[in-house]
PDB file of N, CA and C in Angstrom:
ATOM      1  N   MET A   1      33.822  56.347 -10.981  1.00  0.00           N
ATOM      2  CA  MET A   1      34.400  55.720  -9.818  1.00  0.00           C
ATOM      3  C   MET A   1      34.779  54.272 -10.112  1.00  0.00           C
ATOM      4  N   LEU A   2      34.106  53.643 -11.049  1.00  0.00           N
ATOM      5  CA  LEU A   2      34.399  52.242 -11.348  1.00  0.00           C
ATOM      6  C   LEU A   2      35.398  52.065 -12.488  1.00  0.00           C
ATOM      7  N   LEU A   3      35.842  53.138 -13.111  1.00  0.00           N
ATOM      8  CA  LEU A   3      36.787  53.033 -14.216  1.00  0.00           C
ATOM      9  C   LEU A   3      38.089  52.323 -13.862  1.00  0.00           C
ATOM     10  N   PRO A   4      38.641  52.464 -12.654  1.00  0.00           N
ATOM     11  CA  PRO A   4      39.882  51.745 -12.359  1.00  0.00           C
ATOM     12  C   PRO A   4      39.738  50.229 -12.409  1.00  0.00           C
ATOM     13  N   VAL A   5      38.540  49.706 -12.279  1.00  0.00           N
ATOM     14  CA  VAL A   5      38.321  48.266 -12.272  1.00  0.00           C
ATOM     15  C   VAL A   5      38.167  47.708 -13.677  1.00  0.00           C
ATOM     16  N   LEU A   6      37.602  48.483 -14.571  1.00  0.00           N
ATOM     17  CA  LEU A   6      37.305  47.994 -15.913  1.00  0.00           C
ATOM     18  C   LEU A   6      38.570  47.902 -16.761  1.00  0.00           C
ATOM     19  N   PRO A   7      38.649  46.885 -17.619  1.00  0.00           N
ATOM     20  CA  PRO A   7      39.792  46.783 -18.541  1.00  0.00           C
ATOM     21  C   PRO A   7      39.807  47.949 -19.527  1.00  0.00           C
ATOM     22  N   THR A   8      40.963  48.257 -20.051  1.00  0.00           N
ATOM     23  CA  THR A   8      41.101  49.395 -20.958  1.00  0.00           C
ATOM     24  C   THR A   8      40.301  49.219 -22.240  1.00  0.00           C
ATOM     25  N   GLU A   9      40.100  47.990 -22.708  1.00  0.00           N
ATOM     26  CA  GLU A   9      39.338  47.795 -23.944  1.00  0.00           C
ATOM     27  C   GLU A   9      37.858  48.144 -23.778  1.00  0.00           C
ATOM     28  N   TYR A  10      37.397  48.287 -22.545  1.00  0.00           N
ATOM     29  CA  TYR A  10      36.015  48.692 -22.282  1.00  0.00           C
ATOM     30  C   TYR A  10      35.937  50.135 -21.781  1.00  0.00           C
ATOM     31  N   GLY A  11      36.989  50.882 -21.971  1.00  0.00           N
ATOM     32  CA  GLY A  11      36.989  52.283 -21.585  1.00  0.00           C
ATOM     33  C   GLY A  11      37.434  52.538 -20.160  1.00  0.00           C
ATOM     34  N   GLY A  12      37.920  51.505 -19.485  1.00  0.00           N
ATOM     35  CA  GLY A  12      38.379  51.660 -18.112  1.00  0.00           C
ATOM     36  C   GLY A  12      39.863  51.945 -18.034  1.00  0.00           C
ATOM     37  N   ARG A  13      40.399  51.850 -16.839  1.00  0.00           N
ATOM     38  CA  ARG A  13      41.818  52.135 -16.620  1.00  0.00           C
ATOM     39  C   ARG A  13      42.607  50.903 -16.196  1.00  0.00           C
ATOM     40  N   ASP A  14      41.937  49.892 -15.638  1.00  0.00           N
ATOM     41  CA  ASP A  14      42.584  48.655 -15.202  1.00  0.00           C
ATOM     42  C   ASP A  14      43.746  48.945 -14.242  1.00  0.00           C
ATOM     43  N   SER A  15      43.471  49.748 -13.221  1.00  0.00           N
ATOM     44  CA  SER A  15      44.496  50.172 -12.273  1.00  0.00           C
ATOM     45  C   SER A  15      44.101  49.782 -10.851  1.00  0.00           C
ATOM     46  N   HIS A  16      44.778  48.775 -10.313  1.00  0.00           N
ATOM     47  CA  HIS A  16      44.469  48.336  -8.952  1.00  0.00           C
ATOM     48  C   HIS A  16      44.868  49.384  -7.916  1.00  0.00           C
ATOM     49  N   SER A  17      45.982  50.049  -8.145  1.00  0.00           N
ATOM     50  CA  SER A  17      46.423  51.059  -7.181  1.00  0.00           C
ATOM     51  C   SER A  17      45.462  52.254  -7.159  1.00  0.00           C
ATOM     52  N   GLU A  18      44.916  52.611  -8.296  1.00  0.00           N
ATOM     53  CA  GLU A  18      43.954  53.717  -8.345  1.00  0.00           C
ATOM     54  C   GLU A  18      42.653  53.329  -7.624  1.00  0.00           C
ATOM     55  N   MET A  19      42.233  52.078  -7.780  1.00  0.00           N
ATOM     56  CA  MET A  19      41.019  51.629  -7.084  1.00  0.00           C
ATOM     57  C   MET A  19      41.234  51.615  -5.583  1.00  0.00           C
ATOM     58  N   CYS A  20      42.422  51.226  -5.138  1.00  0.00           N
ATOM     59  CA  CYS A  20      42.730  51.269  -3.704  1.00  0.00           C
ATOM     60  C   CYS A  20      42.646  52.696  -3.185  1.00  0.00           C
ATOM     61  N   ARG A  21      43.105  53.633  -3.969  1.00  0.00           N
ATOM     62  CA  ARG A  21      43.051  55.041  -3.570  1.00  0.00           C
ATOM     63  C   ARG A  21      41.604  55.534  -3.493  1.00  0.00           C
ATOM     64  N   VAL A  22      40.764  55.114  -4.438  1.00  0.00           N
ATOM     65  CA  VAL A  22      39.349  55.487  -4.424  1.00  0.00           C
ATOM     66  C   VAL A  22      38.691  54.991  -3.137  1.00  0.00           C
ATOM     67  N   VAL A  23      38.936  53.732  -2.801  1.00  0.00           N
ATOM     68  CA  VAL A  23      38.343  53.161  -1.581  1.00  0.00           C
ATOM     69  C   VAL A  23      38.893  53.867  -0.345  1.00  0.00           C
ATOM     70  N   GLU A  24      40.168  54.201  -0.355  1.00  0.00           N
ATOM     71  CA  GLU A  24      40.766  54.901   0.780  1.00  0.00           C
ATOM     72  C   GLU A  24      40.132  56.267   0.994  1.00  0.00           C
ATOM     73  N   VAL A  25      39.934  57.009  -0.078  1.00  0.00           N
ATOM     74  CA  VAL A  25      39.313  58.336   0.028  1.00  0.00           C
ATOM     75  C   VAL A  25      37.868  58.211   0.500  1.00  0.00           C
ATOM     76  N   LEU A  26      37.155  57.227  -0.030  1.00  0.00           N
ATOM     77  CA  LEU A  26      35.780  57.014   0.421  1.00  0.00           C
ATOM     78  C   LEU A  26      35.730  56.655   1.902  1.00  0.00           C
ATOM     79  N   ALA A  27      36.663  55.834   2.359  1.00  0.00           N
ATOM     80  CA  ALA A  27      36.681  55.409   3.758  1.00  0.00           C
ATOM     81  C   ALA A  27      36.932  56.576   4.705  1.00  0.00           C
ATOM     82  N   GLU A  28      37.647  57.572   4.240  1.00  0.00           N
ATOM     83  CA  GLU A  28      37.876  58.754   5.080  1.00  0.00           C
ATOM     84  C   GLU A  28      36.571  59.490   5.360  1.00  0.00           C
ATOM     85  N   GLN A  29      35.629  59.422   4.417  1.00  0.00           N
ATOM     86  CA  GLN A  29      34.360  60.119   4.574  1.00  0.00           C
ATOM     87  C   GLN A  29      33.250  59.233   5.127  1.00  0.00           C
ATOM     88  N   ASN A  30      33.182  57.984   4.606  1.00  0.00           N
ATOM     89  CA  ASN A  30      32.094  57.090   4.994  1.00  0.00           C
ATOM     90  C   ASN A  30      32.555  55.649   4.789  1.00  0.00           C
ATOM     91  N   LEU A  31      32.782  54.950   5.871  1.00  0.00           N
ATOM     92  CA  LEU A  31      33.312  53.592   5.801  1.00  0.00           C
ATOM     93  C   LEU A  31      32.343  52.632   5.125  1.00  0.00           C
ATOM     94  N   ALA A  32      31.056  52.792   5.357  1.00  0.00           N
ATOM     95  CA  ALA A  32      30.072  51.901   4.753  1.00  0.00           C
ATOM     96  C   ALA A  32      30.083  52.006   3.231  1.00  0.00           C
ATOM     97  N   VAL A  33      30.192  53.204   2.706  1.00  0.00           N
ATOM     98  CA  VAL A  33      30.242  53.400   1.255  1.00  0.00           C
ATOM     99  C   VAL A  33      31.529  52.810   0.694  1.00  0.00           C
ATOM    100  N   ALA A  34      32.624  52.942   1.405  1.00  0.00           N
ATOM    101  CA  ALA A  34      33.891  52.384   0.954  1.00  0.00           C
ATOM    102  C   ALA A  34      33.831  50.857   0.900  1.00  0.00           C
ATOM    103  N   VAL A  35      33.259  50.243   1.905  1.00  0.00           N
ATOM    104  CA  VAL A  35      33.128  48.786   1.922  1.00  0.00           C
ATOM    105  C   VAL A  35      32.212  48.336   0.793  1.00  0.00           C
ATOM    106  N   TYR A  36      31.105  49.021   0.609  1.00  0.00           N
ATOM    107  CA  TYR A  36      30.180  48.686  -0.479  1.00  0.00           C
ATOM    108  C   TYR A  36      30.885  48.784  -1.830  1.00  0.00           C
ATOM    109  N   THR A  37      31.640  49.839  -2.047  1.00  0.00           N
ATOM    110  CA  THR A  37      32.355  50.028  -3.304  1.00  0.00           C
ATOM    111  C   THR A  37      33.382  48.924  -3.514  1.00  0.00           C
ATOM    112  N   ALA A  38      34.111  48.572  -2.479  1.00  0.00           N
ATOM    113  CA  ALA A  38      35.108  47.506  -2.598  1.00  0.00           C
ATOM    114  C   ALA A  38      34.443  46.172  -2.925  1.00  0.00           C
ATOM    115  N   ILE A  39      33.293  45.903  -2.334  1.00  0.00           N
ATOM    116  CA  ILE A  39      32.599  44.641  -2.587  1.00  0.00           C
ATOM    117  C   ILE A  39      32.019  44.617  -3.999  1.00  0.00           C
ATOM    118  N   VAL A  40      31.416  45.691  -4.418  1.00  0.00           N
ATOM    119  CA  VAL A  40      30.810  45.737  -5.750  1.00  0.00           C
ATOM    120  C   VAL A  40      31.881  45.639  -6.831  1.00  0.00           C
ATOM    121  N   THR A  41      32.995  46.293  -6.650  1.00  0.00           N
ATOM    122  CA  THR A  41      34.016  46.319  -7.689  1.00  0.00           C
ATOM    123  C   THR A  41      34.898  45.076  -7.679  1.00  0.00           C
ATOM    124  N   GLY A  42      35.235  44.577  -6.527  1.00  0.00           N
ATOM    125  CA  GLY A  42      36.139  43.434  -6.459  1.00  0.00           C
ATOM    126  C   GLY A  42      35.494  42.130  -6.839  1.00  0.00           C
ATOM    127  N   PRO A  43      34.756  41.520  -5.937  1.00  0.00           N
ATOM    128  CA  PRO A  43      34.200  40.203  -6.219  1.00  0.00           C
ATOM    129  C   PRO A  43      32.978  40.198  -7.129  1.00  0.00           C
ATOM    130  N   ALA A  44      32.351  41.335  -7.388  1.00  0.00           N
ATOM    131  CA  ALA A  44      31.126  41.326  -8.187  1.00  0.00           C
ATOM    132  C   ALA A  44      31.346  41.831  -9.618  1.00  0.00           C
ATOM    133  N   LEU A  45      31.817  43.040  -9.787  1.00  0.00           N
ATOM    134  CA  LEU A  45      31.922  43.636 -11.119  1.00  0.00           C
ATOM    135  C   LEU A  45      33.089  43.074 -11.924  1.00  0.00           C
ATOM    136  N   ARG A  46      34.227  42.915 -11.312  1.00  0.00           N
ATOM    137  CA  ARG A  46      35.429  42.478 -12.036  1.00  0.00           C
ATOM    138  C   ARG A  46      35.246  41.115 -12.722  1.00  0.00           C
ATOM    139  N   PRO A  47      34.750  40.079 -12.045  1.00  0.00           N
ATOM    140  CA  PRO A  47      34.560  38.797 -12.737  1.00  0.00           C
ATOM    141  C   PRO A  47      33.548  38.877 -13.878  1.00  0.00           C
ATOM    142  N   VAL A  48      32.509  39.672 -13.724  1.00  0.00           N
ATOM    143  CA  VAL A  48      31.532  39.812 -14.793  1.00  0.00           C
ATOM    144  C   VAL A  48      32.186  40.407 -16.018  1.00  0.00           C
ATOM    145  N   VAL A  49      32.989  41.439 -15.831  1.00  0.00           N
ATOM    146  CA  VAL A  49      33.661  42.094 -16.946  1.00  0.00           C
ATOM    147  C   VAL A  49      34.675  41.146 -17.592  1.00  0.00           C
ATOM    148  N   LEU A  50      35.395  40.402 -16.786  1.00  0.00           N
ATOM    149  CA  LEU A  50      36.446  39.536 -17.333  1.00  0.00           C
ATOM    150  C   LEU A  50      35.915  38.293 -18.038  1.00  0.00           C
ATOM    151  N   TRP A  51      34.850  37.699 -17.504  1.00  0.00           N
ATOM    152  CA  TRP A  51      34.435  36.399 -18.019  1.00  0.00           C
ATOM    153  C   TRP A  51      33.073  36.378 -18.694  1.00  0.00           C
ATOM    154  N   ALA A  52      32.381  37.483 -18.744  1.00  0.00           N
ATOM    155  CA  ALA A  52      31.093  37.510 -19.433  1.00  0.00           C
ATOM    156  C   ALA A  52      31.321  37.577 -20.935  1.00  0.00           C
ATOM    157  N   GLU A  53      30.465  36.915 -21.661  1.00  0.00           N
ATOM    158  CA  GLU A  53      30.568  36.964 -23.115  1.00  0.00           C
ATOM    159  C   GLU A  53      29.722  38.100 -23.656  1.00  0.00           C
ATOM    160  N   ALA A  54      30.241  38.756 -24.655  1.00  0.00           N
ATOM    161  CA  ALA A  54      29.517  39.903 -25.232  1.00  0.00           C
ATOM    162  C   ALA A  54      28.435  39.449 -26.164  1.00  0.00           C
TER     163      ALA A  54
END
């Protein structure tokens, strides 16, 4: 579920439109899970992946 957020060099897809679709599908079933996923992937996971040193 988090692959659209990760850059391709880390095995992800780096696709913003795909992540929007994931959140949209989740929101159809459970809004709380969709909001949690958007928060974890957007402001939390993405900066760590982009700016953390290996």
